[in-house]
Amino acid sequence: MVDILKRSGRKQNFSLAKLQKAIDRAAKDAKMPVAKRKELCKEIAEGIKGSLRRKRSISAVDLRRRVLGRLDRRSIATSKAWRKFDRRRH
């Protein structure tokens, strides 16, 4: 299992479900239809999971960058919605 290293120094187990939920929320905010949202979530999350296969840990910042890079290539509107949420949170 891959550990996510948070900015606070805390470790958290990687959760595919949590990642899919975050992508789905951003896609929903971007007004993407349900069927396309499901497809996008699965594609991005599985791609990230595959890229982490040989890793023991990854920083949350690096994970975010990987997700947004994939979203930028697949759905600009969803990527913008994710970034908008990030700005509200910080």
N, C-alpha and C. Protein backbone atom coordinates (compact mmCIF):
# COMPACT_ATOMS: atom_id res chain seq x y z
N MET A 1 0.84 -1.19 0.00
CA MET A 1 0.00 0.00 0.00
C MET A 1 0.88 1.25 0.00
N VAL A 2 0.43 2.25 -0.66
CA VAL A 2 1.17 3.51 -0.79
C VAL A 2 0.74 4.47 0.31
N ASP A 3 1.71 5.12 0.93
CA ASP A 3 1.42 6.16 1.92
C ASP A 3 1.45 7.52 1.24
N ILE A 4 0.51 8.37 1.63
CA ILE A 4 0.49 9.75 1.18
C ILE A 4 1.09 10.58 2.31
N LEU A 5 2.13 11.34 1.99
CA LEU A 5 2.79 12.18 2.98
C LEU A 5 2.18 13.57 2.92
N LYS A 6 1.46 13.93 3.99
CA LYS A 6 0.78 15.22 4.05
C LYS A 6 1.77 16.33 4.38
N ARG A 7 1.36 17.56 4.13
CA ARG A 7 2.22 18.71 4.43
C ARG A 7 2.57 18.78 5.91
N SER A 8 1.66 18.33 6.74
CA SER A 8 1.86 18.37 8.19
C SER A 8 2.88 17.33 8.66
N GLY A 9 3.27 16.42 7.74
CA GLY A 9 4.20 15.35 8.09
C GLY A 9 3.48 14.05 8.41
N ARG A 10 2.17 14.11 8.52
CA ARG A 10 1.35 12.93 8.80
C ARG A 10 1.30 12.03 7.58
N LYS A 11 1.14 10.74 7.80
CA LYS A 11 1.00 9.77 6.71
C LYS A 11 -0.44 9.28 6.67
N GLN A 12 -0.91 9.01 5.46
CA GLN A 12 -2.27 8.49 5.27
C GLN A 12 -2.20 7.46 4.15
N ASN A 13 -2.92 6.36 4.29
CA ASN A 13 -2.96 5.36 3.24
C ASN A 13 -3.66 5.92 2.01
N PHE A 14 -3.14 5.59 0.84
CA PHE A 14 -3.77 6.00 -0.41
C PHE A 14 -5.14 5.33 -0.51
N SER A 15 -6.14 6.12 -0.87
CA SER A 15 -7.49 5.61 -1.01
C SER A 15 -7.99 5.91 -2.42
N LEU A 16 -8.17 4.87 -3.21
CA LEU A 16 -8.68 5.02 -4.56
C LEU A 16 -10.08 5.63 -4.51
N ALA A 17 -10.89 5.21 -3.56
CA ALA A 17 -12.26 5.72 -3.43
C ALA A 17 -12.26 7.22 -3.13
N LYS A 18 -11.35 7.66 -2.27
CA LYS A 18 -11.27 9.09 -1.93
C LYS A 18 -10.86 9.90 -3.15
N LEU A 19 -9.93 9.39 -3.91
CA LEU A 19 -9.49 10.07 -5.13
C LEU A 19 -10.64 10.16 -6.13
N GLN A 20 -11.36 9.06 -6.33
CA GLN A 20 -12.47 9.05 -7.26
C GLN A 20 -13.56 10.03 -6.82
N LYS A 21 -13.80 10.11 -5.53
CA LYS A 21 -14.81 11.03 -5.00
C LYS A 21 -14.41 12.48 -5.28
N ALA A 22 -13.14 12.79 -5.11
CA ALA A 22 -12.66 14.15 -5.36
C ALA A 22 -12.78 14.51 -6.85
N ILE A 23 -12.42 13.58 -7.70
CA ILE A 23 -12.53 13.81 -9.15
C ILE A 23 -14.00 13.97 -9.54
N ASP A 24 -14.86 13.11 -8.98
CA ASP A 24 -16.29 13.19 -9.28
C ASP A 24 -16.87 14.53 -8.83
N ARG A 25 -16.48 14.99 -7.67
CA ARG A 25 -16.97 16.27 -7.16
C ARG A 25 -16.56 17.41 -8.08
N ALA A 26 -15.31 17.40 -8.53
CA ALA A 26 -14.84 18.45 -9.44
C ALA A 26 -15.57 18.37 -10.78
N ALA A 27 -15.77 17.15 -11.29
CA ALA A 27 -16.48 16.98 -12.56
C ALA A 27 -17.93 17.42 -12.45
N LYS A 28 -18.54 17.16 -11.30
CA LYS A 28 -19.92 17.59 -11.07
C LYS A 28 -19.99 19.11 -11.05
N ASP A 29 -19.02 19.76 -10.38
CA ASP A 29 -18.96 21.23 -10.36
C ASP A 29 -18.75 21.79 -11.75
N ALA A 30 -18.09 21.02 -12.61
CA ALA A 30 -17.83 21.43 -13.99
C ALA A 30 -19.02 21.13 -14.90
N LYS A 31 -20.11 20.64 -14.31
CA LYS A 31 -21.37 20.35 -15.04
C LYS A 31 -21.21 19.22 -16.05
N MET A 32 -20.37 18.25 -15.73
CA MET A 32 -20.18 17.10 -16.61
C MET A 32 -21.31 16.10 -16.37
N PRO A 33 -21.86 15.52 -17.43
CA PRO A 33 -22.92 14.51 -17.28
C PRO A 33 -22.43 13.30 -16.47
N VAL A 34 -23.35 12.65 -15.79
CA VAL A 34 -23.03 11.54 -14.89
C VAL A 34 -22.22 10.44 -15.56
N ALA A 35 -22.63 10.02 -16.73
CA ALA A 35 -21.91 8.93 -17.42
C ALA A 35 -20.47 9.32 -17.71
N LYS A 36 -20.26 10.53 -18.16
CA LYS A 36 -18.89 10.99 -18.46
C LYS A 36 -18.08 11.13 -17.17
N ARG A 37 -18.74 11.57 -16.09
CA ARG A 37 -18.06 11.70 -14.80
C ARG A 37 -17.54 10.35 -14.34
N LYS A 38 -18.37 9.33 -14.44
CA LYS A 38 -17.95 7.98 -14.01
C LYS A 38 -16.76 7.50 -14.84
N GLU A 39 -16.83 7.72 -16.13
CA GLU A 39 -15.74 7.31 -17.02
C GLU A 39 -14.45 8.06 -16.68
N LEU A 40 -14.56 9.37 -16.47
CA LEU A 40 -13.40 10.19 -16.13
C LEU A 40 -12.79 9.74 -14.80
N CYS A 41 -13.63 9.55 -13.79
CA CYS A 41 -13.14 9.12 -12.47
C CYS A 41 -12.37 7.82 -12.57
N LYS A 42 -12.95 6.87 -13.26
CA LYS A 42 -12.30 5.56 -13.39
C LYS A 42 -10.98 5.68 -14.13
N GLU A 43 -10.99 6.40 -15.25
CA GLU A 43 -9.78 6.53 -16.07
C GLU A 43 -8.65 7.21 -15.31
N ILE A 44 -8.94 8.34 -14.67
CA ILE A 44 -7.90 9.09 -13.96
C ILE A 44 -7.41 8.31 -12.74
N ALA A 45 -8.34 7.80 -11.94
CA ALA A 45 -7.96 7.10 -10.71
C ALA A 45 -7.16 5.83 -11.02
N GLU A 46 -7.58 5.07 -12.01
CA GLU A 46 -6.84 3.85 -12.36
C GLU A 46 -5.45 4.19 -12.90
N GLY A 47 -5.35 5.27 -13.66
CA GLY A 47 -4.05 5.71 -14.16
C GLY A 47 -3.11 6.10 -13.04
N ILE A 48 -3.64 6.82 -12.07
CA ILE A 48 -2.84 7.22 -10.90
C ILE A 48 -2.44 5.99 -10.11
N LYS A 49 -3.38 5.09 -9.89
CA LYS A 49 -3.09 3.86 -9.14
C LYS A 49 -1.96 3.09 -9.83
N GLY A 50 -2.02 2.99 -11.14
CA GLY A 50 -0.97 2.30 -11.88
C GLY A 50 0.38 2.98 -11.75
N SER A 51 0.38 4.31 -11.75
CA SER A 51 1.65 5.04 -11.66
C SER A 51 2.26 4.94 -10.26
N LEU A 52 1.45 4.55 -9.28
CA LEU A 52 1.95 4.43 -7.90
C LEU A 52 2.34 2.99 -7.55
N ARG A 53 2.16 2.08 -8.48
CA ARG A 53 2.34 0.65 -8.21
C ARG A 53 3.69 0.33 -7.58
N ARG A 54 4.73 0.96 -8.00
CA ARG A 54 6.08 0.64 -7.50
C ARG A 54 6.55 1.58 -6.39
N LYS A 55 5.69 2.45 -5.93
CA LYS A 55 6.07 3.41 -4.89
C LYS A 55 5.60 2.96 -3.52
N ARG A 56 6.35 3.37 -2.51
CA ARG A 56 5.95 3.13 -1.13
C ARG A 56 5.24 4.35 -0.57
N SER A 57 5.66 5.54 -1.05
CA SER A 57 5.03 6.76 -0.56
C SER A 57 5.15 7.84 -1.63
N ILE A 58 4.29 8.86 -1.49
CA ILE A 58 4.28 10.00 -2.40
C ILE A 58 3.74 11.19 -1.61
N SER A 59 4.27 12.36 -1.88
CA SER A 59 3.75 13.54 -1.18
C SER A 59 2.38 13.91 -1.73
N ALA A 60 1.56 14.49 -0.90
CA ALA A 60 0.23 14.91 -1.32
C ALA A 60 0.34 15.94 -2.44
N VAL A 61 1.35 16.78 -2.39
CA VAL A 61 1.56 17.80 -3.42
C VAL A 61 1.86 17.13 -4.77
N ASP A 62 2.72 16.12 -4.76
CA ASP A 62 3.05 15.41 -6.00
C ASP A 62 1.85 14.65 -6.54
N LEU A 63 1.08 14.04 -5.65
CA LEU A 63 -0.13 13.32 -6.08
C LEU A 63 -1.11 14.30 -6.73
N ARG A 64 -1.31 15.45 -6.11
CA ARG A 64 -2.20 16.48 -6.65
C ARG A 64 -1.73 16.91 -8.04
N ARG A 65 -0.43 17.12 -8.18
CA ARG A 65 0.13 17.54 -9.46
C ARG A 65 -0.11 16.48 -10.54
N ARG A 66 0.04 15.23 -10.19
CA ARG A 66 -0.21 14.14 -11.15
C ARG A 66 -1.68 14.10 -11.57
N VAL A 67 -2.57 14.24 -10.59
CA VAL A 67 -4.01 14.21 -10.90
C VAL A 67 -4.37 15.38 -11.80
N LEU A 68 -3.92 16.58 -11.43
CA LEU A 68 -4.25 17.76 -12.23
C LEU A 68 -3.64 17.69 -13.63
N GLY A 69 -2.47 17.11 -13.76
CA GLY A 69 -1.87 16.94 -15.08
C GLY A 69 -2.74 16.07 -15.97
N ARG A 70 -3.25 14.99 -15.40
CA ARG A 70 -4.13 14.11 -16.16
C ARG A 70 -5.46 14.80 -16.47
N LEU A 71 -5.98 15.54 -15.50
CA LEU A 71 -7.23 16.26 -15.74
C LEU A 71 -7.05 17.34 -16.80
N ASP A 72 -5.91 18.02 -16.79
CA ASP A 72 -5.64 19.04 -17.81
C ASP A 72 -5.70 18.45 -19.22
N ARG A 73 -5.22 17.22 -19.36
CA ARG A 73 -5.23 16.57 -20.67
C ARG A 73 -6.59 16.00 -21.04
N ARG A 74 -7.40 15.69 -20.04
CA ARG A 74 -8.67 15.00 -20.30
C ARG A 74 -9.90 15.91 -20.20
N SER A 75 -9.89 16.85 -19.23
CA SER A 75 -11.05 17.71 -19.02
C SER A 75 -10.62 19.01 -18.35
N ILE A 76 -10.41 20.04 -19.14
CA ILE A 76 -9.97 21.34 -18.62
C ILE A 76 -10.99 21.89 -17.63
N ALA A 77 -12.27 21.74 -17.92
CA ALA A 77 -13.31 22.28 -17.03
C ALA A 77 -13.24 21.62 -15.65
N THR A 78 -13.01 20.32 -15.61
CA THR A 78 -12.90 19.62 -14.33
C THR A 78 -11.64 20.05 -13.60
N SER A 79 -10.56 20.22 -14.33
CA SER A 79 -9.31 20.68 -13.75
C SER A 79 -9.48 22.07 -13.12
N LYS A 80 -10.18 22.95 -13.81
CA LYS A 80 -10.44 24.30 -13.28
C LYS A 80 -11.31 24.24 -12.02
N ALA A 81 -12.31 23.36 -12.02
CA ALA A 81 -13.17 23.20 -10.85
C ALA A 81 -12.37 22.70 -9.65
N TRP A 82 -11.45 21.76 -9.89
CA TRP A 82 -10.60 21.24 -8.80
C TRP A 82 -9.75 22.38 -8.23
N ARG A 83 -9.13 23.16 -9.10
CA ARG A 83 -8.28 24.26 -8.64
C ARG A 83 -9.09 25.31 -7.89
N LYS A 84 -10.29 25.57 -8.34
CA LYS A 84 -11.17 26.54 -7.66
C LYS A 84 -11.47 26.06 -6.24
N PHE A 85 -11.75 24.76 -6.09
CA PHE A 85 -11.99 24.19 -4.78
C PHE A 85 -10.74 24.32 -3.91
N ASP A 86 -9.57 24.06 -4.47
CA ASP A 86 -8.31 24.19 -3.72
C ASP A 86 -8.12 25.60 -3.19
N ARG A 87 -8.43 26.59 -4.01
CA ARG A 87 -8.26 27.99 -3.58
C ARG A 87 -9.21 28.33 -2.43
N ARG A 88 -10.40 27.79 -2.46
CA ARG A 88 -11.36 28.05 -1.37
C ARG A 88 -10.91 27.39 -0.07
N ARG A 89 -10.25 26.26 -0.21
CA ARG A 89 -9.84 25.49 0.97
C ARG A 89 -8.63 26.08 1.68
N HIS A 90 -7.76 26.75 0.96
CA HIS A 90 -6.52 27.26 1.57
C HIS A 90 -6.60 28.72 1.86
